[in-house]
Amino acid sequence: YLRNGISHPGVANCIRCREARETQRSSRLAGNLTNEIIQQYKKHAESDYPHECCGFILGNFADQDSTGTEYLPVANTKEENRERRFLIDPMAYQKAEDEADQRGLSVISIVHSHPDHPDEPSDFDRDHAWPGFRYINISIQKGKFVSYRSLHLNSDRNFFIKENINIIKEEKINVK
């Protein structure tokens, strides 16, 4: 949004400039996950192929970071087009929130797979995502894991911002 250190006259209302500012502010955001959690959601995505899988990561928030302590797979209850869409039963979400609360944790991420598609969020993902949640998208090609990315929706719901995932060791997790 700056060219040679100089902003253009419409910088305050420019969507590309706003996206760049928000991306710069969010560049410090990170999710800390164990390799075990990553392996669990990769295995879940492969086993549910050719359908989209979905689940939650429970953990703690601290400043701009979150630390995952557990992956909770949930059923994709979508009745049609499960190869391209997922639906989490509201009671499954409530159960995950209740379980997290009982253990002093939070639902820190929603995970879902993209069978035979990249891990890039779709327009449908953007239209149905909630600001404040972190999303992990998993690309599965021909039944095999390819890649994943962590994102969160900006507050205006216009675009996703990519976040870093730091792989940490189990002993670094401090559960309340």
N, C-alpha and C. Protein backbone atom coordinates (compact mmCIF):
# COMPACT_ATOMS: atom_id res chain seq x y z
N TYR A 1 0.80 -1.19 0.00
CA TYR A 1 0.00 0.00 0.00
C TYR A 1 0.84 1.26 0.00
N LEU A 2 2.11 1.09 0.16
CA LEU A 2 3.02 2.23 0.02
C LEU A 2 3.91 1.99 -1.19
N ARG A 3 4.02 2.99 -2.03
CA ARG A 3 4.94 2.91 -3.16
C ARG A 3 6.09 3.84 -2.88
N ASN A 4 7.28 3.28 -2.81
CA ASN A 4 8.47 4.09 -2.50
C ASN A 4 8.28 4.89 -1.21
N GLY A 5 7.57 4.32 -0.25
CA GLY A 5 7.37 4.99 1.03
C GLY A 5 6.31 6.06 1.02
N ILE A 6 5.57 6.22 -0.08
CA ILE A 6 4.54 7.26 -0.18
C ILE A 6 3.20 6.60 -0.41
N SER A 7 2.21 6.96 0.38
CA SER A 7 0.88 6.39 0.20
C SER A 7 0.13 7.17 -0.87
N HIS A 8 -0.87 6.52 -1.46
CA HIS A 8 -1.66 7.21 -2.48
C HIS A 8 -2.84 7.92 -1.82
N PRO A 9 -3.51 8.86 -2.51
CA PRO A 9 -4.54 9.70 -1.90
C PRO A 9 -5.71 8.92 -1.30
N GLY A 10 -6.09 7.78 -1.86
CA GLY A 10 -7.23 7.03 -1.35
C GLY A 10 -6.87 5.92 -0.39
N VAL A 11 -5.71 5.98 0.23
CA VAL A 11 -5.20 4.88 1.05
C VAL A 11 -6.16 4.48 2.17
N ALA A 12 -6.88 5.43 2.76
CA ALA A 12 -7.76 5.12 3.89
C ALA A 12 -8.90 4.19 3.49
N ASN A 13 -9.38 4.30 2.25
CA ASN A 13 -10.53 3.51 1.82
C ASN A 13 -10.18 2.41 0.82
N CYS A 14 -8.92 2.29 0.48
CA CYS A 14 -8.49 1.31 -0.52
C CYS A 14 -8.50 -0.10 0.09
N ILE A 15 -9.21 -1.03 -0.54
CA ILE A 15 -9.31 -2.39 -0.03
C ILE A 15 -7.94 -3.06 -0.02
N ARG A 16 -7.15 -2.91 -1.09
CA ARG A 16 -5.82 -3.52 -1.12
C ARG A 16 -4.93 -2.96 -0.03
N CYS A 17 -5.04 -1.64 0.22
CA CYS A 17 -4.23 -1.02 1.27
C CYS A 17 -4.67 -1.51 2.65
N ARG A 18 -5.98 -1.62 2.86
CA ARG A 18 -6.49 -2.10 4.15
C ARG A 18 -6.05 -3.54 4.38
N GLU A 19 -6.10 -4.36 3.32
CA GLU A 19 -5.66 -5.74 3.44
C GLU A 19 -4.17 -5.79 3.79
N ALA A 20 -3.36 -4.96 3.17
CA ALA A 20 -1.93 -4.94 3.47
C ALA A 20 -1.67 -4.49 4.90
N ARG A 21 -2.39 -3.48 5.38
CA ARG A 21 -2.21 -3.02 6.76
C ARG A 21 -2.58 -4.11 7.74
N GLU A 22 -3.72 -4.76 7.50
CA GLU A 22 -4.17 -5.80 8.42
C GLU A 22 -3.23 -7.00 8.39
N THR A 23 -2.71 -7.33 7.22
CA THR A 23 -1.76 -8.43 7.11
C THR A 23 -0.49 -8.11 7.88
N GLN A 24 -0.01 -6.87 7.79
CA GLN A 24 1.18 -6.48 8.55
C GLN A 24 0.92 -6.57 10.05
N ARG A 25 -0.25 -6.09 10.51
CA ARG A 25 -0.57 -6.17 11.94
C ARG A 25 -0.68 -7.61 12.39
N SER A 26 -1.18 -8.49 11.52
CA SER A 26 -1.42 -9.88 11.90
C SER A 26 -0.22 -10.78 11.67
N SER A 27 0.87 -10.24 11.14
CA SER A 27 2.01 -11.09 10.84
C SER A 27 2.61 -11.70 12.10
N ARG A 28 2.28 -11.14 13.26
CA ARG A 28 2.78 -11.69 14.52
C ARG A 28 1.92 -12.85 15.02
N LEU A 29 0.74 -13.03 14.45
CA LEU A 29 -0.15 -14.09 14.91
C LEU A 29 0.45 -15.46 14.59
N ALA A 30 0.33 -16.35 15.54
CA ALA A 30 0.84 -17.70 15.31
C ALA A 30 0.02 -18.69 16.11
N GLY A 31 -0.06 -19.87 15.58
CA GLY A 31 -0.65 -20.98 16.28
C GLY A 31 0.44 -21.97 16.61
N ASN A 32 0.46 -22.40 17.84
CA ASN A 32 1.46 -23.37 18.30
C ASN A 32 0.76 -24.72 18.43
N LEU A 33 1.26 -25.69 17.67
CA LEU A 33 0.67 -27.02 17.67
C LEU A 33 1.76 -28.07 17.83
N THR A 34 1.38 -29.17 18.44
CA THR A 34 2.31 -30.29 18.53
C THR A 34 2.26 -31.08 17.22
N ASN A 35 3.30 -31.80 16.94
CA ASN A 35 3.31 -32.66 15.77
C ASN A 35 2.20 -33.71 15.87
N GLU A 36 1.90 -34.15 17.09
CA GLU A 36 0.83 -35.14 17.28
C GLU A 36 -0.52 -34.61 16.79
N ILE A 37 -0.85 -33.36 17.13
CA ILE A 37 -2.11 -32.77 16.68
C ILE A 37 -2.13 -32.68 15.16
N ILE A 38 -1.04 -32.24 14.57
CA ILE A 38 -0.97 -32.13 13.11
C ILE A 38 -1.15 -33.50 12.47
N GLN A 39 -0.49 -34.52 13.01
CA GLN A 39 -0.63 -35.87 12.46
C GLN A 39 -2.07 -36.37 12.60
N GLN A 40 -2.74 -36.02 13.70
CA GLN A 40 -4.12 -36.46 13.91
C GLN A 40 -5.06 -35.86 12.87
N TYR A 41 -4.93 -34.55 12.61
CA TYR A 41 -5.87 -33.99 11.63
C TYR A 41 -5.50 -34.38 10.20
N LYS A 42 -4.23 -34.64 9.93
CA LYS A 42 -3.86 -35.15 8.61
C LYS A 42 -4.46 -36.54 8.39
N LYS A 43 -4.34 -37.41 9.39
CA LYS A 43 -4.88 -38.77 9.30
C LYS A 43 -6.41 -38.72 9.16
N HIS A 44 -7.05 -37.84 9.91
CA HIS A 44 -8.50 -37.69 9.83
C HIS A 44 -8.92 -37.28 8.42
N ALA A 45 -8.21 -36.32 7.83
CA ALA A 45 -8.54 -35.85 6.48
C ALA A 45 -8.36 -36.96 5.46
N GLU A 46 -7.30 -37.74 5.60
CA GLU A 46 -7.07 -38.85 4.66
C GLU A 46 -8.14 -39.93 4.82
N SER A 47 -8.53 -40.23 6.06
CA SER A 47 -9.50 -41.31 6.29
C SER A 47 -10.92 -40.91 5.85
N ASP A 48 -11.24 -39.63 5.87
CA ASP A 48 -12.57 -39.19 5.44
C ASP A 48 -12.66 -38.93 3.93
N TYR A 49 -11.52 -38.96 3.25
CA TYR A 49 -11.50 -38.75 1.80
C TYR A 49 -12.42 -39.76 1.13
N PRO A 50 -13.23 -39.41 0.16
CA PRO A 50 -13.24 -38.20 -0.64
C PRO A 50 -14.11 -37.08 -0.07
N HIS A 51 -14.57 -37.25 1.16
CA HIS A 51 -15.41 -36.22 1.78
C HIS A 51 -14.56 -35.25 2.60
N GLU A 52 -15.10 -34.07 2.82
CA GLU A 52 -14.43 -33.11 3.70
C GLU A 52 -14.52 -33.62 5.14
N CYS A 53 -13.43 -33.51 5.85
CA CYS A 53 -13.45 -33.80 7.28
C CYS A 53 -13.56 -32.47 8.02
N CYS A 54 -13.88 -32.55 9.30
CA CYS A 54 -13.94 -31.34 10.11
C CYS A 54 -13.66 -31.70 11.56
N GLY A 55 -13.20 -30.70 12.31
CA GLY A 55 -12.89 -30.91 13.71
C GLY A 55 -12.48 -29.62 14.37
N PHE A 56 -12.11 -29.73 15.63
CA PHE A 56 -11.72 -28.57 16.43
C PHE A 56 -10.36 -28.82 17.07
N ILE A 57 -9.64 -27.75 17.32
CA ILE A 57 -8.45 -27.82 18.14
C ILE A 57 -8.75 -27.05 19.42
N LEU A 58 -8.56 -27.72 20.54
CA LEU A 58 -8.74 -27.09 21.85
C LEU A 58 -7.38 -26.61 22.33
N GLY A 59 -7.39 -25.54 23.10
CA GLY A 59 -6.13 -25.03 23.63
C GLY A 59 -6.32 -23.73 24.38
N ASN A 60 -5.26 -22.94 24.42
CA ASN A 60 -5.24 -21.67 25.16
C ASN A 60 -4.83 -20.52 24.26
N PHE A 61 -5.36 -19.34 24.56
CA PHE A 61 -4.95 -18.11 23.90
C PHE A 61 -4.02 -17.34 24.84
N ALA A 62 -3.00 -16.71 24.29
CA ALA A 62 -2.11 -15.83 25.05
C ALA A 62 -1.63 -14.74 24.11
N ASP A 63 -2.06 -13.51 24.37
CA ASP A 63 -1.71 -12.38 23.52
C ASP A 63 -2.11 -12.68 22.08
N GLN A 64 -1.15 -12.65 21.16
CA GLN A 64 -1.42 -12.88 19.75
C GLN A 64 -1.26 -14.35 19.35
N ASP A 65 -0.91 -15.21 20.29
CA ASP A 65 -0.67 -16.62 19.98
C ASP A 65 -1.74 -17.51 20.58
N SER A 66 -1.81 -18.72 20.06
CA SER A 66 -2.63 -19.76 20.66
C SER A 66 -1.79 -21.03 20.70
N THR A 67 -2.09 -21.87 21.66
CA THR A 67 -1.39 -23.15 21.78
C THR A 67 -2.42 -24.25 21.85
N GLY A 68 -2.36 -25.15 20.87
CA GLY A 68 -3.28 -26.27 20.83
C GLY A 68 -2.83 -27.39 21.74
N THR A 69 -3.80 -28.00 22.41
CA THR A 69 -3.49 -29.12 23.29
C THR A 69 -4.15 -30.42 22.84
N GLU A 70 -5.17 -30.31 21.98
CA GLU A 70 -5.91 -31.52 21.60
C GLU A 70 -6.69 -31.28 20.31
N TYR A 71 -6.74 -32.31 19.46
CA TYR A 71 -7.58 -32.29 18.27
C TYR A 71 -8.82 -33.13 18.52
N LEU A 72 -9.99 -32.55 18.24
CA LEU A 72 -11.27 -33.26 18.39
C LEU A 72 -11.92 -33.43 17.02
N PRO A 73 -11.83 -34.61 16.43
CA PRO A 73 -12.54 -34.80 15.16
C PRO A 73 -14.04 -34.82 15.40
N VAL A 74 -14.80 -34.28 14.47
CA VAL A 74 -16.26 -34.35 14.54
C VAL A 74 -16.79 -34.82 13.19
N ALA A 75 -18.01 -35.32 13.20
CA ALA A 75 -18.62 -35.83 11.98
C ALA A 75 -19.04 -34.69 11.07
N ASN A 76 -18.82 -34.88 9.78
CA ASN A 76 -19.35 -33.99 8.77
C ASN A 76 -20.80 -34.42 8.54
N THR A 77 -21.74 -33.61 9.02
CA THR A 77 -23.15 -33.99 8.95
C THR A 77 -23.85 -33.47 7.70
N LYS A 78 -23.09 -32.90 6.78
CA LYS A 78 -23.67 -32.42 5.52
C LYS A 78 -24.22 -33.63 4.77
N GLU A 79 -25.46 -33.54 4.29
CA GLU A 79 -26.07 -34.69 3.63
C GLU A 79 -25.74 -34.77 2.14
N GLU A 80 -25.52 -33.63 1.50
CA GLU A 80 -25.21 -33.62 0.06
C GLU A 80 -23.91 -32.88 -0.17
N ASN A 81 -23.23 -33.25 -1.25
CA ASN A 81 -22.01 -32.56 -1.68
C ASN A 81 -20.93 -32.53 -0.60
N ARG A 82 -20.79 -33.64 0.12
CA ARG A 82 -19.78 -33.71 1.20
C ARG A 82 -18.35 -33.67 0.67
N GLU A 83 -18.20 -33.84 -0.65
CA GLU A 83 -16.86 -33.72 -1.25
C GLU A 83 -16.41 -32.26 -1.29
N ARG A 84 -17.35 -31.32 -1.18
CA ARG A 84 -17.03 -29.89 -1.28
C ARG A 84 -17.51 -29.05 -0.10
N ARG A 85 -18.25 -29.65 0.81
CA ARG A 85 -18.81 -28.88 1.93
C ARG A 85 -18.77 -29.72 3.20
N PHE A 86 -18.71 -29.00 4.33
CA PHE A 86 -18.85 -29.69 5.61
C PHE A 86 -19.87 -28.93 6.44
N LEU A 87 -20.45 -29.65 7.37
CA LEU A 87 -21.41 -29.07 8.30
C LEU A 87 -21.15 -29.70 9.66
N ILE A 88 -20.99 -28.86 10.66
CA ILE A 88 -20.80 -29.34 12.03
C ILE A 88 -22.12 -29.17 12.75
N ASP A 89 -22.60 -30.25 13.32
CA ASP A 89 -23.83 -30.21 14.10
C ASP A 89 -23.66 -29.21 15.24
N PRO A 90 -24.62 -28.31 15.44
CA PRO A 90 -24.49 -27.34 16.54
C PRO A 90 -24.27 -27.98 17.90
N MET A 91 -24.84 -29.15 18.11
CA MET A 91 -24.64 -29.82 19.39
C MET A 91 -23.20 -30.34 19.53
N ALA A 92 -22.56 -30.71 18.42
CA ALA A 92 -21.15 -31.13 18.47
C ALA A 92 -20.28 -29.93 18.83
N TYR A 93 -20.63 -28.77 18.28
CA TYR A 93 -19.89 -27.55 18.62
C TYR A 93 -20.09 -27.23 20.10
N GLN A 94 -21.33 -27.29 20.58
CA GLN A 94 -21.61 -27.00 21.99
C GLN A 94 -20.87 -27.98 22.91
N LYS A 95 -20.85 -29.25 22.51
CA LYS A 95 -20.13 -30.26 23.30
C LYS A 95 -18.65 -29.93 23.37
N ALA A 96 -18.04 -29.50 22.24
CA ALA A 96 -16.62 -29.13 22.24
C ALA A 96 -16.38 -27.92 23.13
N GLU A 97 -17.26 -26.92 23.06
CA GLU A 97 -17.13 -25.73 23.92
C GLU A 97 -17.26 -26.12 25.40
N ASP A 98 -18.24 -26.98 25.72
CA ASP A 98 -18.44 -27.41 27.11
C ASP A 98 -17.23 -28.18 27.62
N GLU A 99 -16.71 -29.09 26.79
CA GLU A 99 -15.53 -29.87 27.19
C GLU A 99 -14.34 -28.95 27.41
N ALA A 100 -14.16 -28.00 26.52
CA ALA A 100 -13.06 -27.04 26.67
C ALA A 100 -13.22 -26.25 27.96
N ASP A 101 -14.42 -25.73 28.22
CA ASP A 101 -14.68 -24.95 29.44
C ASP A 101 -14.37 -25.74 30.70
N GLN A 102 -14.80 -27.01 30.73
CA GLN A 102 -14.57 -27.85 31.91
C GLN A 102 -13.09 -28.03 32.20
N ARG A 103 -12.26 -27.91 31.15
CA ARG A 103 -10.82 -28.14 31.31
C ARG A 103 -10.02 -26.85 31.28
N GLY A 104 -10.71 -25.70 31.33
CA GLY A 104 -10.01 -24.42 31.31
C GLY A 104 -9.38 -24.09 29.97
N LEU A 105 -9.96 -24.61 28.89
CA LEU A 105 -9.45 -24.41 27.54
C LEU A 105 -10.47 -23.67 26.70
N SER A 106 -10.14 -23.45 25.44
CA SER A 106 -11.03 -22.81 24.47
C SER A 106 -10.95 -23.58 23.16
N VAL A 107 -11.98 -23.44 22.34
CA VAL A 107 -11.89 -23.91 20.96
C VAL A 107 -11.07 -22.84 20.24
N ILE A 108 -9.86 -23.20 19.80
CA ILE A 108 -8.97 -22.20 19.20
C ILE A 108 -8.94 -22.27 17.67
N SER A 109 -9.34 -23.41 17.10
CA SER A 109 -9.33 -23.54 15.64
C SER A 109 -10.42 -24.48 15.18
N ILE A 110 -10.91 -24.19 13.98
CA ILE A 110 -11.79 -25.10 13.26
C ILE A 110 -10.98 -25.64 12.10
N VAL A 111 -10.99 -26.96 11.95
CA VAL A 111 -10.20 -27.64 10.93
C VAL A 111 -11.15 -28.25 9.91
N HIS A 112 -10.80 -28.14 8.63
CA HIS A 112 -11.52 -28.91 7.61
C HIS A 112 -10.63 -29.16 6.41
N SER A 113 -10.98 -30.20 5.66
CA SER A 113 -10.17 -30.59 4.52
C SER A 113 -10.78 -30.11 3.21
N HIS A 114 -9.92 -30.03 2.20
CA HIS A 114 -10.33 -29.72 0.83
C HIS A 114 -9.90 -30.89 -0.05
N PRO A 115 -10.78 -31.89 -0.23
CA PRO A 115 -10.42 -33.03 -1.07
C PRO A 115 -10.20 -32.62 -2.53
N ASP A 116 -9.05 -33.01 -3.05
CA ASP A 116 -8.67 -32.74 -4.44
C ASP A 116 -8.72 -31.26 -4.80
N HIS A 117 -8.41 -30.43 -3.82
CA HIS A 117 -8.31 -28.98 -4.00
C HIS A 117 -7.18 -28.46 -3.12
N PRO A 118 -6.66 -27.29 -3.45
CA PRO A 118 -5.58 -26.72 -2.62
C PRO A 118 -6.10 -26.29 -1.24
N ASP A 119 -5.17 -25.95 -0.36
CA ASP A 119 -5.55 -25.52 0.99
C ASP A 119 -5.99 -24.06 1.04
N GLU A 120 -6.09 -23.41 -0.10
CA GLU A 120 -6.56 -22.03 -0.17
C GLU A 120 -8.04 -21.98 0.24
N PRO A 121 -8.43 -20.95 0.99
CA PRO A 121 -9.85 -20.84 1.34
C PRO A 121 -10.69 -20.48 0.11
N SER A 122 -11.86 -21.05 0.04
CA SER A 122 -12.78 -20.74 -1.05
C SER A 122 -13.64 -19.53 -0.68
N ASP A 123 -14.36 -19.01 -1.66
CA ASP A 123 -15.32 -17.94 -1.37
C ASP A 123 -16.38 -18.44 -0.39
N PHE A 124 -16.77 -19.70 -0.54
CA PHE A 124 -17.74 -20.29 0.38
C PHE A 124 -17.18 -20.31 1.80
N ASP A 125 -15.89 -20.66 1.94
CA ASP A 125 -15.25 -20.64 3.26
C ASP A 125 -15.34 -19.24 3.85
N ARG A 126 -15.00 -18.23 3.05
CA ARG A 126 -15.03 -16.85 3.54
C ARG A 126 -16.45 -16.44 3.94
N ASP A 127 -17.41 -16.79 3.12
CA ASP A 127 -18.80 -16.39 3.40
C ASP A 127 -19.36 -17.03 4.66
N HIS A 128 -18.80 -18.18 5.06
CA HIS A 128 -19.34 -18.90 6.21
C HIS A 128 -18.43 -18.89 7.44
N ALA A 129 -17.27 -18.30 7.32
CA ALA A 129 -16.34 -18.24 8.46
C ALA A 129 -16.76 -17.15 9.44
N TRP A 130 -16.28 -17.29 10.66
CA TRP A 130 -16.56 -16.31 11.71
C TRP A 130 -15.28 -15.58 12.07
N PRO A 131 -15.31 -14.25 12.06
CA PRO A 131 -14.12 -13.52 12.54
C PRO A 131 -13.82 -13.93 13.99
N GLY A 132 -12.55 -13.98 14.32
CA GLY A 132 -12.16 -14.36 15.67
C GLY A 132 -11.72 -15.81 15.78
N PHE A 133 -12.13 -16.65 14.83
CA PHE A 133 -11.70 -18.04 14.84
C PHE A 133 -10.51 -18.22 13.92
N ARG A 134 -9.67 -19.16 14.27
CA ARG A 134 -8.62 -19.58 13.37
C ARG A 134 -9.12 -20.81 12.62
N TYR A 135 -8.76 -20.88 11.36
CA TYR A 135 -9.17 -21.98 10.50
C TYR A 135 -7.94 -22.67 9.96
N ILE A 136 -7.96 -23.99 9.98
CA ILE A 136 -6.90 -24.76 9.35
C ILE A 136 -7.52 -25.52 8.20
N ASN A 137 -7.05 -25.23 6.99
CA ASN A 137 -7.50 -25.90 5.77
C ASN A 137 -6.45 -26.92 5.37
N ILE A 138 -6.89 -28.12 5.02
CA ILE A 138 -6.00 -29.22 4.67
C ILE A 138 -6.27 -29.63 3.23
N SER A 139 -5.24 -29.67 2.41
CA SER A 139 -5.37 -30.16 1.04
C SER A 139 -5.08 -31.66 1.02
N ILE A 140 -6.02 -32.42 0.49
CA ILE A 140 -5.88 -33.86 0.30
C ILE A 140 -6.05 -34.13 -1.19
N GLN A 141 -5.05 -34.72 -1.81
CA GLN A 141 -5.11 -35.03 -3.24
C GLN A 141 -5.08 -36.54 -3.42
N LYS A 142 -6.13 -37.07 -4.06
CA LYS A 142 -6.24 -38.52 -4.31
C LYS A 142 -6.06 -39.33 -3.03
N GLY A 143 -6.58 -38.81 -1.93
CA GLY A 143 -6.56 -39.52 -0.66
C GLY A 143 -5.32 -39.33 0.18
N LYS A 144 -4.37 -38.55 -0.29
CA LYS A 144 -3.11 -38.34 0.43
C LYS A 144 -2.94 -36.87 0.82
N PHE A 145 -2.43 -36.67 2.02
CA PHE A 145 -2.16 -35.33 2.51
C PHE A 145 -1.14 -34.62 1.61
N VAL A 146 -1.40 -33.32 1.32
CA VAL A 146 -0.47 -32.52 0.54
C VAL A 146 0.03 -31.33 1.35
N SER A 147 -0.88 -30.57 1.95
CA SER A 147 -0.47 -29.35 2.65
C SER A 147 -1.59 -28.87 3.57
N TYR A 148 -1.25 -27.90 4.41
CA TYR A 148 -2.25 -27.26 5.25
C TYR A 148 -1.83 -25.81 5.45
N ARG A 149 -2.79 -24.99 5.85
CA ARG A 149 -2.49 -23.60 6.20
C ARG A 149 -3.46 -23.15 7.28
N SER A 150 -3.00 -22.20 8.07
CA SER A 150 -3.81 -21.60 9.13
C SER A 150 -4.16 -20.18 8.71
N LEU A 151 -5.42 -19.81 8.93
CA LEU A 151 -5.91 -18.51 8.52
C LEU A 151 -6.89 -17.98 9.54
N HIS A 152 -7.11 -16.68 9.49
CA HIS A 152 -8.27 -16.12 10.20
C HIS A 152 -8.89 -15.07 9.30
N LEU A 153 -10.19 -14.90 9.46
CA LEU A 153 -10.96 -13.95 8.66
C LEU A 153 -10.78 -12.56 9.24
N ASN A 154 -10.54 -11.57 8.36
CA ASN A 154 -10.40 -10.22 8.89
C ASN A 154 -11.75 -9.75 9.43
N SER A 155 -11.74 -8.70 10.23
CA SER A 155 -12.95 -8.26 10.93
C SER A 155 -14.05 -7.78 9.99
N ASP A 156 -13.69 -7.33 8.80
CA ASP A 156 -14.70 -6.90 7.81
C ASP A 156 -15.23 -8.06 6.98
N ARG A 157 -14.70 -9.26 7.20
CA ARG A 157 -15.11 -10.47 6.48
C ARG A 157 -14.77 -10.42 4.99
N ASN A 158 -13.80 -9.59 4.60
CA ASN A 158 -13.45 -9.44 3.19
C ASN A 158 -12.39 -10.42 2.72
N PHE A 159 -11.51 -10.86 3.60
CA PHE A 159 -10.40 -11.71 3.19
C PHE A 159 -9.85 -12.45 4.39
N PHE A 160 -9.12 -13.53 4.08
CA PHE A 160 -8.42 -14.30 5.11
C PHE A 160 -6.98 -13.81 5.22
N ILE A 161 -6.44 -13.93 6.41
CA ILE A 161 -5.04 -13.59 6.66
C ILE A 161 -4.33 -14.87 7.08
N LYS A 162 -3.25 -15.18 6.37
CA LYS A 162 -2.48 -16.39 6.68
C LYS A 162 -1.73 -16.21 7.99
N GLU A 163 -1.68 -17.27 8.76
CA GLU A 163 -0.98 -17.26 10.04
C GLU A 163 0.09 -18.35 10.04
N ASN A 164 1.08 -18.14 10.83
CA ASN A 164 2.14 -19.14 10.99
C ASN A 164 1.69 -20.23 11.95
N ILE A 165 2.16 -21.44 11.71
CA ILE A 165 1.99 -22.54 12.66
C ILE A 165 3.38 -22.94 13.12
N ASN A 166 3.59 -22.85 14.42
CA ASN A 166 4.85 -23.28 15.03
C ASN A 166 4.65 -24.67 15.61
N ILE A 167 5.52 -25.59 15.26
CA ILE A 167 5.44 -26.94 15.82
C ILE A 167 6.25 -26.94 17.10
N ILE A 168 5.57 -27.31 18.19
CA ILE A 168 6.20 -27.29 19.51
C ILE A 168 6.23 -28.70 20.09
N LYS A 169 7.05 -28.89 21.10
CA LYS A 169 7.13 -30.18 21.78
C LYS A 169 6.05 -30.25 22.85
N GLU A 170 5.63 -31.47 23.13
CA GLU A 170 4.58 -31.71 24.14
C GLU A 170 4.88 -31.04 25.47
N GLU A 171 6.12 -31.09 25.93
CA GLU A 171 6.45 -30.57 27.26
C GLU A 171 6.33 -29.04 27.34
N LYS A 172 6.23 -28.36 26.21
CA LYS A 172 6.09 -26.90 26.23
C LYS A 172 4.65 -26.46 26.44
N ILE A 173 3.73 -27.39 26.46
CA ILE A 173 2.32 -27.04 26.63
C ILE A 173 2.02 -26.89 28.11
N ASN A 174 1.47 -25.75 28.46
CA ASN A 174 1.06 -25.50 29.84
C ASN A 174 -0.46 -25.48 29.89
N VAL A 175 -1.06 -26.56 30.33
CA VAL A 175 -2.50 -26.66 30.44
C VAL A 175 -2.91 -26.11 31.79
N LYS A 176 -3.93 -25.25 31.78
CA LYS A 176 -4.41 -24.65 33.03
C LYS A 176 -5.12 -25.66 33.89
